[in-house]
Protein backbone atom coordinates (compact mmCIF):
# COMPACT_ATOMS: atom_id res chain seq x y z
CA MET A 1 36.39 -27.21 9.24
CA GLY A 2 38.19 -24.39 11.07
CA VAL A 3 37.60 -22.74 14.37
CA PHE A 4 35.91 -19.34 14.18
CA ASP A 5 36.85 -16.44 16.44
CA PHE A 6 34.07 -14.07 17.35
CA VAL A 7 35.15 -10.61 18.39
CA VAL A 8 32.64 -8.63 20.37
CA GLU A 9 33.38 -4.96 20.66
CA PRO A 10 31.54 -2.80 23.19
CA ASN A 11 28.86 -0.68 21.69
CA ALA A 12 30.15 2.92 21.83
CA ARG A 13 26.71 4.32 21.19
CA ARG A 14 24.61 3.46 24.18
CA ARG A 15 21.11 4.67 24.50
CA ARG A 16 20.29 6.92 27.27
CA GLY A 17 17.56 5.91 29.57
CA ARG A 18 14.46 7.41 28.09
CA GLN A 19 12.03 9.11 30.36
CA ALA A 20 8.37 8.58 29.82
CA LEU A 21 6.68 11.34 27.86
CA SER A 22 4.13 13.46 29.58
CA GLU A 23 0.45 12.71 28.59
CA LYS A 24 0.35 15.96 26.55
CA LYS A 25 3.54 15.10 24.58
CA ARG A 26 2.49 11.53 24.12
CA ALA A 27 -0.91 12.63 22.76
CA ALA A 28 0.84 15.05 20.47
CA ALA A 29 3.19 12.28 19.15
CA LEU A 30 0.22 9.98 18.58
CA PHE A 31 -1.65 12.74 16.82
CA ARG A 32 1.37 13.17 14.44
CA VAL A 33 1.36 9.43 13.78
CA TRP A 34 -2.34 9.57 13.12
CA HIS A 35 -1.84 12.24 10.48
CA GLY A 36 1.01 10.25 8.87
CA VAL A 37 -1.21 7.17 8.66
CA ARG A 38 -3.93 9.43 7.10
CA GLU A 39 -1.48 10.54 4.45
CA LEU A 40 -0.51 6.92 3.73
CA ILE A 41 -4.19 6.08 3.29
CA GLY A 42 -4.36 8.83 0.65
CA GLU A 43 -1.35 7.29 -1.15
CA ALA A 44 -2.78 3.75 -0.94
CA GLU A 45 -6.12 5.10 -2.45
CA ARG A 46 -4.15 6.72 -5.36
CA LEU A 47 -2.51 3.35 -5.92
CA ASP A 48 -6.03 1.77 -5.94
CA ASP A 49 -4.95 -0.76 -3.26
CA GLY A 50 -8.15 -1.59 -1.28
CA GLU A 51 -6.38 -4.10 1.00
CA LEU A 52 -3.68 -1.62 1.97
CA VAL A 53 -6.32 1.13 2.56
CA HIS A 54 -8.22 -1.20 4.86
CA PHE A 55 -5.06 -2.21 6.79
CA LEU A 56 -4.09 1.41 7.17
CA ALA A 57 -7.61 2.43 8.26
CA VAL A 58 -7.48 -0.18 10.97
CA ALA A 59 -4.08 1.12 12.10
CA GLN A 60 -5.43 4.71 12.10
CA MET A 61 -8.36 3.60 14.24
CA LEU A 62 -6.04 1.98 16.76
CA VAL A 63 -3.80 5.00 16.94
CA GLU A 64 -6.89 7.27 17.34
CA GLU A 65 -8.21 4.96 20.13
CA LYS A 66 -4.81 5.08 21.91
CA ALA A 67 -4.63 8.87 21.61
CA THR A 68 -8.11 9.46 22.95
CA THR A 69 -7.43 7.27 25.96
CA VAL A 70 -4.13 9.14 26.64
CA ALA A 71 -5.55 12.62 26.24
CA ALA A 72 -9.17 11.89 27.16
CA GLY A 73 -10.19 12.89 23.57
CA ALA A 74 -8.66 16.41 23.66
CA ALA A 75 -6.27 15.63 20.74
CA PHE A 76 -9.10 15.00 18.33
CA GLU A 77 -11.55 17.70 19.33
CA GLY A 78 -12.90 19.56 16.31
CA ILE A 79 -11.25 17.25 13.73
CA ASP A 80 -13.24 15.12 11.32
CA THR A 81 -11.79 11.72 11.99
CA GLY A 82 -14.11 9.93 9.55
CA LEU A 83 -12.79 8.56 6.34
CA PRO A 84 -14.84 8.97 3.15
CA ASN A 85 -15.96 5.65 1.65
């Protein structure tokens, strides 16, 4: 058994310190995620995968709940957030 040499090179691509998003931008980002999950639910329904639809519906509910707490419900005003059964 030989000896292994590990070479650690510094990471040239360092992440900048991210600033927290404003409430308005955070709500907008969550709203985009919510729409993406809604599209995924449509795809899962086309695949006739009930378990995946259920999982995604729960995820959508959690994103919706988070968005409404961030923006006090303003992000989802006037939008039908119910899913057809």
